[in-house]
Amino acid sequence: MKGLYFQQNSPNEEITFVFQERENPLVTEENYVKLQVKACALSHINTKLLAELKMEKEFFPVGREVAGIVLDVGSKVSFFQPDDEVVGILPLDSEDPGLCEAVRVHEHHLVHKPEKVSWTEAAGTIRDGVRAYTALHYLSSLSAGKAVLIMDGASPLGTIAIQLALHRGARVISTAGSLEDKQHLERLRPPIGGRRCSRLEKNVLKRAAQSPDSLSFTARVVDVSLGNGRVAESCLEETGGLGVDIVLDAGVRLYSEDDEPARKLQLPRKHDILTLLGVGGHWVTTEENLQLDPPDCHCLFLKGATVAFLNDDVWNLSNAQQGKYLCILKDVMEKLSSGVFRPRLEEPIPLHEAKVSMEAVQKNQGRKKQVVRF
């Protein structure tokens, strides 16, 4: 059978993707299961993180978000049995690529897939669901009535984060960099009749029906196609000058450069985020090289605000909170099954097209999540 790997000869060199023949994996470890992969989602590979963790190899496996059927189990596996339908995220040090017909994975990286959820939806949602939960529940304190700014809400992560925030009763503000993104975000309104609503959602919908002014629980979209100049102003206007409680960014402009790409011009500057952040607010950033000067730190101190870095791989780098991690995976699948999460997915592709698609994903091309269907 064939599996997809990537190769990088030097840190500054672009990575190349290659298919390699591999043997059919056997379950030799006691707590591992053998999985027949039915779908695998494609995500950007953080080669810098792999290098810092000393995980460099000549050929590194590609594909981590997998959904499939259990074929065989180790002697001490207690959660699964053959023919179970499961979904999960392979750890960073996995020797098997998810883009392969069969993989071995520890049982603590998998959860059962609900019957009504398709293979494509399960694989395409699981990681963004984990990232959204990590950002909004563990790095900040999402609750009903809070104002949440989610940058680039039309991205796969932004879409799931908005749906999670709306489900909790938060007031969501988001940004759109194109007309297509804006139209997508305007459709992200909580469905009234499509599924069973929670008591919190029913109360929010009831208040909205009684007062047109209370419709602020739905997403407000800020157009940043011509730049990010109105983000802070729009957030302060929406919150009556108080600022937002939670910010989930999609990157930060650290400095200006000549001939910057249009997508980078849409990113906020750190001063904009500090301006729109409310008292006691939480700023969750995906910018791993964020630099805060003393005046920036003093502003955060005066507001009693916090900055947290979103790195969802920490769940797999340590077993200290394995129980919480499995609860997140299960809850993501439950919300996908109930219709709370409606991921933004491309049409699934076959395995032989994965190499070309992965090259596009690595260059951050495309706005929807790409899934390989076996």
Protein backbone atom coordinates (compact mmCIF):
# COMPACT_ATOMS: atom_id res chain seq x y z
CA MET A 1 0.00 0.00 0.00
CA LYS A 2 1.02 3.62 -0.58
CA GLY A 3 1.36 6.41 1.97
CA LEU A 4 2.09 10.13 1.57
CA TYR A 5 5.22 11.61 3.18
CA PHE A 6 7.04 14.93 3.00
CA GLN A 7 10.76 15.59 2.69
CA GLN A 8 12.75 18.71 3.61
CA ASN A 9 16.50 18.81 3.16
CA SER A 10 17.09 22.13 4.97
CA PRO A 11 15.00 24.38 7.26
CA ASN A 12 14.63 27.14 4.66
CA GLU A 13 13.83 24.82 1.77
CA GLU A 14 10.30 24.14 0.59
CA ILE A 15 9.05 20.70 1.50
CA THR A 16 8.23 18.15 -1.20
CA PHE A 17 5.52 15.50 -0.97
CA VAL A 18 6.12 11.96 -2.19
CA PHE A 19 4.21 8.69 -2.19
CA GLN A 20 6.07 5.71 -0.79
CA GLU A 21 5.25 2.04 -0.65
CA ARG A 22 4.86 0.67 2.88
CA GLU A 23 4.00 -2.66 4.44
CA ASN A 24 0.59 -3.44 5.84
CA PRO A 25 0.90 -2.36 9.54
CA LEU A 26 0.40 -4.98 12.25
CA VAL A 27 -0.82 -4.36 15.79
CA THR A 28 2.11 -5.33 18.00
CA GLU A 29 1.60 -2.86 20.87
CA GLU A 30 -0.93 -3.74 23.59
CA ASN A 31 -2.85 -0.43 23.60
CA TYR A 32 -2.89 0.20 19.85
CA VAL A 33 -5.59 -0.41 17.26
CA LYS A 34 -5.31 -0.96 13.52
CA LEU A 35 -7.54 1.39 11.59
CA GLN A 36 -8.85 1.14 8.04
CA VAL A 37 -8.83 4.81 7.00
CA LYS A 38 -12.02 6.00 5.31
CA ALA A 39 -11.21 9.74 5.26
CA CYS A 40 -8.26 11.98 6.14
CA ALA A 41 -8.29 15.78 6.30
CA LEU A 42 -5.39 17.89 5.04
CA SER A 43 -3.87 20.56 7.29
CA HIS A 44 -0.86 22.86 7.11
CA ILE A 45 2.32 21.24 8.49
CA ASN A 46 4.28 23.29 11.03
CA THR A 47 7.80 22.25 10.04
CA LYS A 48 9.32 24.75 12.46
CA LEU A 49 7.57 23.10 15.41
CA LEU A 50 8.73 19.66 14.28
CA ALA A 51 12.32 20.92 14.07
CA GLU A 52 12.14 22.49 17.54
CA LEU A 53 10.82 19.21 18.96
CA LYS A 54 13.68 17.29 17.29
CA MET A 55 11.24 15.27 15.21
CA GLU A 56 13.02 15.73 11.92
CA LYS A 57 13.17 12.67 9.67
CA GLU A 58 14.19 12.04 6.10
CA PHE A 59 10.56 11.22 5.28
CA PHE A 60 7.84 12.47 7.62
CA PRO A 61 4.29 11.04 7.48
CA VAL A 62 1.49 13.33 6.23
CA GLY A 63 -2.13 13.38 7.39
CA ARG A 64 -3.29 13.31 11.00
CA GLU A 65 -7.08 13.85 11.15
CA VAL A 66 -8.48 10.43 10.33
CA ALA A 67 -11.79 8.61 10.44
CA GLY A 68 -12.19 4.91 9.79
CA ILE A 69 -13.12 1.39 10.89
CA VAL A 70 -11.25 -0.60 13.54
CA LEU A 71 -9.74 -3.74 12.00
CA ASP A 72 -7.76 -5.16 14.93
CA VAL A 73 -7.03 -4.27 18.55
CA GLY A 74 -4.21 -4.90 20.98
CA SER A 75 -4.58 -7.15 24.01
CA LYS A 76 -5.13 -4.27 26.46
CA VAL A 77 -7.43 -2.09 24.35
CA SER A 78 -10.62 -1.46 26.34
CA PHE A 79 -12.43 1.34 24.45
CA PHE A 80 -12.85 -0.27 21.01
CA GLN A 81 -13.42 -3.55 19.25
CA PRO A 82 -13.23 -4.59 15.58
CA ASP A 83 -15.78 -2.95 13.23
CA ASP A 84 -16.18 0.14 15.45
CA GLU A 85 -16.37 3.43 13.54
CA VAL A 86 -13.93 5.91 15.05
CA VAL A 87 -12.33 9.30 14.47
CA GLY A 88 -9.27 10.98 15.96
CA ILE A 89 -6.03 12.89 15.49
CA LEU A 90 -2.73 11.07 15.07
CA PRO A 91 0.04 12.39 17.38
CA LEU A 92 2.98 14.33 16.02
CA ASP A 93 5.34 11.38 16.50
CA SER A 94 3.12 8.91 14.64
CA GLU A 95 5.11 6.62 12.34
CA ASP A 96 2.13 6.01 10.06
CA PRO A 97 0.72 8.61 7.64
CA GLY A 98 -3.02 9.25 7.84
CA LEU A 99 -2.99 9.38 4.05
CA CYS A 100 -2.76 5.62 3.78
CA GLU A 101 -5.25 2.77 3.65
CA ALA A 102 -4.39 1.51 7.16
CA VAL A 103 -2.69 3.02 10.23
CA ARG A 104 -1.82 2.08 13.80
CA VAL A 105 -2.87 4.46 16.55
CA HIS A 106 -3.08 4.42 20.36
CA GLU A 107 -6.66 4.03 21.60
CA HIS A 108 -6.42 7.25 23.64
CA HIS A 109 -6.25 9.29 20.43
CA LEU A 110 -9.60 8.03 19.15
CA VAL A 111 -13.31 8.36 19.95
CA HIS A 112 -16.39 6.72 18.46
CA LYS A 113 -17.90 8.36 15.40
CA PRO A 114 -21.67 8.96 15.58
CA GLU A 115 -23.58 6.88 13.05
CA LYS A 116 -25.26 9.85 11.35
CA VAL A 117 -21.95 11.69 10.78
CA SER A 118 -20.23 11.02 7.45
CA TRP A 119 -16.57 10.03 7.19
CA THR A 120 -15.74 13.28 5.40
CA GLU A 121 -17.43 15.48 7.99
CA ALA A 122 -15.82 13.63 10.90
CA ALA A 123 -12.27 13.91 9.56
CA GLY A 124 -12.78 17.47 8.34
CA THR A 125 -14.13 18.80 11.64
CA ILE A 126 -12.24 17.03 14.42
CA ARG A 127 -9.09 19.17 14.55
CA ASP A 128 -10.75 22.55 14.03
CA GLY A 129 -13.22 21.54 16.73
CA VAL A 130 -10.36 20.82 19.13
CA ARG A 131 -8.72 24.17 18.27
CA ALA A 132 -11.99 26.06 18.80
CA TYR A 133 -12.59 24.36 22.16
CA THR A 134 -9.02 25.01 23.26
CA ALA A 135 -9.23 28.70 22.35
CA LEU A 136 -12.69 29.51 23.67
CA HIS A 137 -13.03 27.20 26.69
CA TYR A 138 -9.53 26.47 27.99
CA LEU A 139 -7.57 29.61 27.04
CA SER A 140 -10.49 31.96 27.66
CA SER A 141 -13.85 31.78 29.44
CA LEU A 142 -16.65 31.63 26.89
CA SER A 143 -20.14 32.07 28.30
CA ALA A 144 -23.53 33.50 27.35
CA GLY A 145 -23.68 37.22 26.67
CA LYS A 146 -19.95 37.74 26.14
CA ALA A 147 -18.69 39.65 23.11
CA VAL A 148 -16.32 37.56 20.98
CA LEU A 149 -14.22 38.72 18.02
CA ILE A 150 -13.19 35.91 15.68
CA MET A 151 -10.85 37.05 12.93
CA ASP A 152 -11.19 35.46 9.48
CA GLY A 153 -14.42 33.77 10.43
CA ALA A 154 -14.85 32.15 7.01
CA SER A 155 -11.79 29.93 7.50
CA PRO A 156 -12.39 26.32 8.62
CA LEU A 157 -11.32 27.19 12.19
CA GLY A 158 -13.22 30.48 12.22
CA THR A 159 -16.42 28.79 11.05
CA ILE A 160 -16.36 26.20 13.84
CA ALA A 161 -15.35 28.82 16.45
CA ILE A 162 -18.27 31.08 15.46
CA GLN A 163 -20.74 28.20 15.67
CA LEU A 164 -19.41 27.19 19.10
CA ALA A 165 -19.63 30.78 20.38
CA LEU A 166 -23.17 31.24 19.04
CA HIS A 167 -24.20 27.93 20.58
CA ARG A 168 -23.03 29.22 23.97
CA GLY A 169 -25.09 32.41 23.54
CA ALA A 170 -22.19 34.80 22.90
CA ARG A 171 -22.37 37.90 20.70
CA VAL A 172 -20.02 37.31 17.78
CA ILE A 173 -18.17 39.78 15.59
CA SER A 174 -16.09 38.48 12.72
CA THR A 175 -14.09 39.72 9.74
CA ALA A 176 -14.39 38.85 6.05
CA GLY A 177 -11.77 39.45 3.39
CA SER A 178 -13.96 38.90 0.33
CA LEU A 179 -17.57 38.95 -0.81
CA GLU A 180 -17.69 35.15 -0.78
CA ASP A 181 -16.45 35.07 2.82
CA LYS A 182 -18.99 37.71 3.83
CA GLN A 183 -21.86 35.77 2.29
CA HIS A 184 -20.68 32.61 4.06
CA LEU A 185 -20.55 34.38 7.43
CA GLU A 186 -24.00 35.87 7.01
CA ARG A 187 -25.36 32.34 6.69
CA LEU A 188 -23.86 31.34 10.03
CA ARG A 189 -26.97 32.05 12.02
CA PRO A 190 -28.28 29.58 14.59
CA PRO A 191 -30.88 27.34 12.89
CA ILE A 192 -34.28 27.61 14.60
CA GLY A 193 -36.07 24.56 13.24
CA GLY A 194 -33.29 22.35 11.90
CA ARG A 195 -32.42 20.64 15.19
CA ARG A 196 -33.31 20.56 18.85
CA CYS A 197 -32.17 23.75 20.59
CA SER A 198 -30.73 23.87 24.08
CA ARG A 199 -32.54 25.79 26.80
CA LEU A 200 -29.98 28.59 26.48
CA GLU A 201 -30.53 28.84 22.72
CA LYS A 202 -34.31 28.85 23.16
CA ASN A 203 -34.06 31.74 25.63
CA VAL A 204 -31.79 33.70 23.28
CA LEU A 205 -34.11 33.10 20.32
CA LYS A 206 -37.11 34.05 22.43
CA ARG A 207 -35.51 37.37 23.44
CA ALA A 208 -34.57 37.98 19.82
CA ALA A 209 -38.16 37.46 18.69
CA GLN A 210 -39.46 39.87 21.33
CA SER A 211 -37.00 42.67 20.57
CA PRO A 212 -35.32 43.41 17.21
CA ASP A 213 -32.49 45.13 19.07
CA SER A 214 -31.48 41.85 20.69
CA LEU A 215 -30.47 40.22 17.39
CA SER A 216 -26.84 40.99 18.18
CA PHE A 217 -26.28 37.33 19.12
CA THR A 218 -25.90 36.62 15.39
CA ALA A 219 -22.60 37.30 13.73
CA ARG A 220 -21.76 40.87 12.76
CA VAL A 221 -19.38 40.91 9.83
CA VAL A 222 -16.65 43.53 9.35
CA ASP A 223 -15.37 43.85 5.79
CA VAL A 224 -11.55 44.00 5.74
CA SER A 225 -11.08 43.45 2.01
CA LEU A 226 -9.58 46.96 1.71
CA GLY A 227 -7.60 46.79 4.96
CA ASN A 228 -8.21 46.33 8.67
CA GLY A 229 -8.85 49.97 9.58
CA ARG A 230 -12.42 49.53 10.85
CA VAL A 231 -12.01 46.45 13.04
CA ALA A 232 -11.34 48.27 16.33
CA GLU A 233 -13.91 50.95 15.55
CA SER A 234 -16.60 48.37 14.70
CA CYS A 235 -15.93 46.34 17.85
CA LEU A 236 -16.12 49.37 20.11
CA GLU A 237 -19.31 50.51 18.37
CA GLU A 238 -20.89 47.07 18.77
CA THR A 239 -20.04 46.89 22.48
CA GLY A 240 -20.90 50.47 23.39
CA GLY A 241 -17.23 51.36 23.86
CA LEU A 242 -16.59 48.59 26.39
CA GLY A 243 -14.54 46.36 24.09
CA VAL A 244 -14.83 42.64 23.44
CA ASP A 245 -14.31 39.92 26.04
CA ILE A 246 -12.51 37.40 23.81
CA VAL A 247 -10.37 37.81 20.70
CA LEU A 248 -9.34 34.86 18.54
CA ASP A 249 -6.99 36.15 15.85
CA ALA A 250 -5.80 34.54 12.63
CA GLY A 251 -2.37 36.13 12.77
CA VAL A 252 -1.00 39.61 13.56
CA ARG A 253 0.88 42.16 11.48
CA LEU A 254 4.06 42.68 13.48
CA TYR A 255 5.54 45.29 11.11
CA SER A 256 4.98 46.78 7.66
CA GLU A 257 6.78 45.64 4.55
CA ASP A 258 6.86 46.80 0.96
CA ASP A 259 4.72 44.82 -1.48
CA GLU A 260 2.81 42.97 1.22
CA PRO A 261 0.23 40.44 -0.07
CA ALA A 262 -3.42 41.46 0.19
CA ARG A 263 -4.18 38.72 2.71
CA LYS A 264 -1.53 40.04 5.12
CA LEU A 265 -2.91 43.58 4.89
CA GLN A 266 -6.17 42.24 6.31
CA LEU A 267 -4.47 41.11 9.53
CA PRO A 268 -4.85 43.41 12.55
CA ARG A 269 -1.95 45.16 14.21
CA LYS A 270 -1.38 44.37 17.85
CA HIS A 271 -2.31 47.96 18.75
CA ASP A 272 -5.75 47.43 17.17
CA ILE A 273 -6.37 44.32 19.27
CA LEU A 274 -5.21 46.01 22.46
CA THR A 275 -7.57 48.91 21.70
CA LEU A 276 -10.67 46.77 21.15
CA LEU A 277 -9.97 44.35 24.03
CA GLY A 278 -12.21 44.99 27.03
CA VAL A 279 -11.41 44.98 30.74
CA GLY A 280 -10.61 41.45 31.90
CA GLY A 281 -10.55 40.30 28.29
CA HIS A 282 -8.70 37.35 26.77
CA TRP A 283 -6.62 37.56 23.62
CA VAL A 284 -5.98 34.12 22.08
CA THR A 285 -3.38 34.39 19.35
CA THR A 286 -2.15 32.05 16.64
CA GLU A 287 0.92 34.25 16.07
CA GLU A 288 3.79 32.21 17.48
CA ASN A 289 6.28 35.11 17.11
CA LEU A 290 4.13 37.75 18.78
CA GLN A 291 6.24 40.57 20.28
CA LEU A 292 4.81 42.77 23.01
CA ASP A 293 6.66 45.94 23.99
CA PRO A 294 6.55 47.40 27.54
CA PRO A 295 3.74 49.87 26.60
CA ASP A 296 1.69 46.97 25.24
CA CYS A 297 2.19 44.98 28.44
CA HIS A 298 1.27 48.04 30.50
CA CYS A 299 -1.98 48.37 28.52
CA LEU A 300 -2.79 44.72 29.25
CA PHE A 301 -1.98 45.30 32.93
CA LEU A 302 -4.33 48.29 33.16
CA LYS A 303 -7.14 46.25 31.60
CA GLY A 304 -6.40 43.13 33.62
CA ALA A 305 -6.36 41.27 30.30
CA THR A 306 -4.47 38.15 29.30
CA VAL A 307 -2.69 36.81 26.21
CA ALA A 308 -2.66 33.09 25.41
CA PHE A 309 -1.08 31.19 22.55
CA LEU A 310 -3.15 28.65 20.64
CA ASN A 311 -1.16 25.49 20.05
CA ASP A 312 -3.57 22.56 19.91
CA ASP A 313 -0.69 20.07 19.61
CA VAL A 314 0.00 20.40 23.34
CA TRP A 315 -2.83 17.94 23.96
CA ASN A 316 -0.83 15.23 22.18
CA LEU A 317 2.56 16.27 23.55
CA SER A 318 1.61 15.43 27.12
CA ASN A 319 -0.64 12.85 28.74
CA ALA A 320 -1.29 15.05 31.78
CA GLN A 321 -4.78 16.04 30.58
CA GLN A 322 -5.71 13.06 28.44
CA GLY A 323 -9.17 12.84 29.97
CA LYS A 324 -10.02 16.43 29.04
CA TYR A 325 -8.73 15.85 25.53
CA LEU A 326 -10.96 12.81 25.01
CA CYS A 327 -13.95 14.76 26.36
CA ILE A 328 -13.28 17.48 23.78
CA LEU A 329 -13.10 14.93 20.95
CA LYS A 330 -16.39 13.35 22.07
CA ASP A 331 -18.15 16.71 22.42
CA VAL A 332 -16.97 17.84 18.97
CA MET A 333 -18.53 14.72 17.45
CA GLU A 334 -21.74 15.19 19.43
CA LYS A 335 -22.10 18.76 18.20
CA LEU A 336 -21.37 17.69 14.65
CA SER A 337 -24.03 14.99 14.93
CA SER A 338 -26.64 17.40 16.38
CA GLY A 339 -26.02 20.07 13.73
CA VAL A 340 -24.34 22.65 15.95
CA PHE A 341 -21.15 22.35 13.87
CA ARG A 342 -21.52 22.75 10.12
CA PRO A 343 -17.97 22.64 8.71
CA ARG A 344 -16.89 24.39 5.53
CA LEU A 345 -15.56 21.56 3.38
CA GLU A 346 -14.38 21.12 -0.18
CA GLU A 347 -15.61 18.19 -2.22
CA PRO A 348 -13.64 15.10 -1.14
CA ILE A 349 -10.85 13.92 -3.42
CA PRO A 350 -9.25 10.49 -4.03
CA LEU A 351 -5.86 9.53 -2.63
CA HIS A 352 -3.96 9.97 -5.90
CA GLU A 353 -4.84 13.70 -5.88
CA ALA A 354 -3.63 14.22 -2.30
CA LYS A 355 -0.09 15.23 -3.29
CA VAL A 356 -1.19 18.21 -5.40
CA SER A 357 -3.84 19.24 -2.85
CA MET A 358 -1.37 19.03 0.02
CA GLU A 359 1.03 21.33 -1.83
CA ALA A 360 -1.78 23.91 -2.10
CA VAL A 361 -2.68 23.50 1.59
CA GLN A 362 0.94 23.99 2.63
CA LYS A 363 0.96 27.31 0.70
CA ASN A 364 -2.26 28.35 2.51
CA GLN A 365 -4.24 28.33 -0.71
CA GLY A 366 -7.95 27.61 -0.59
CA ARG A 367 -10.60 28.67 1.91
CA LYS A 368 -12.27 25.36 2.66
CA LYS A 369 -11.11 22.22 4.41
CA GLN A 370 -9.89 19.55 2.01
CA VAL A 371 -10.56 15.90 2.81
CA VAL A 372 -9.25 12.77 1.08
CA ARG A 373 -11.88 10.04 0.81
CA PHE A 374 -10.80 6.40 0.53
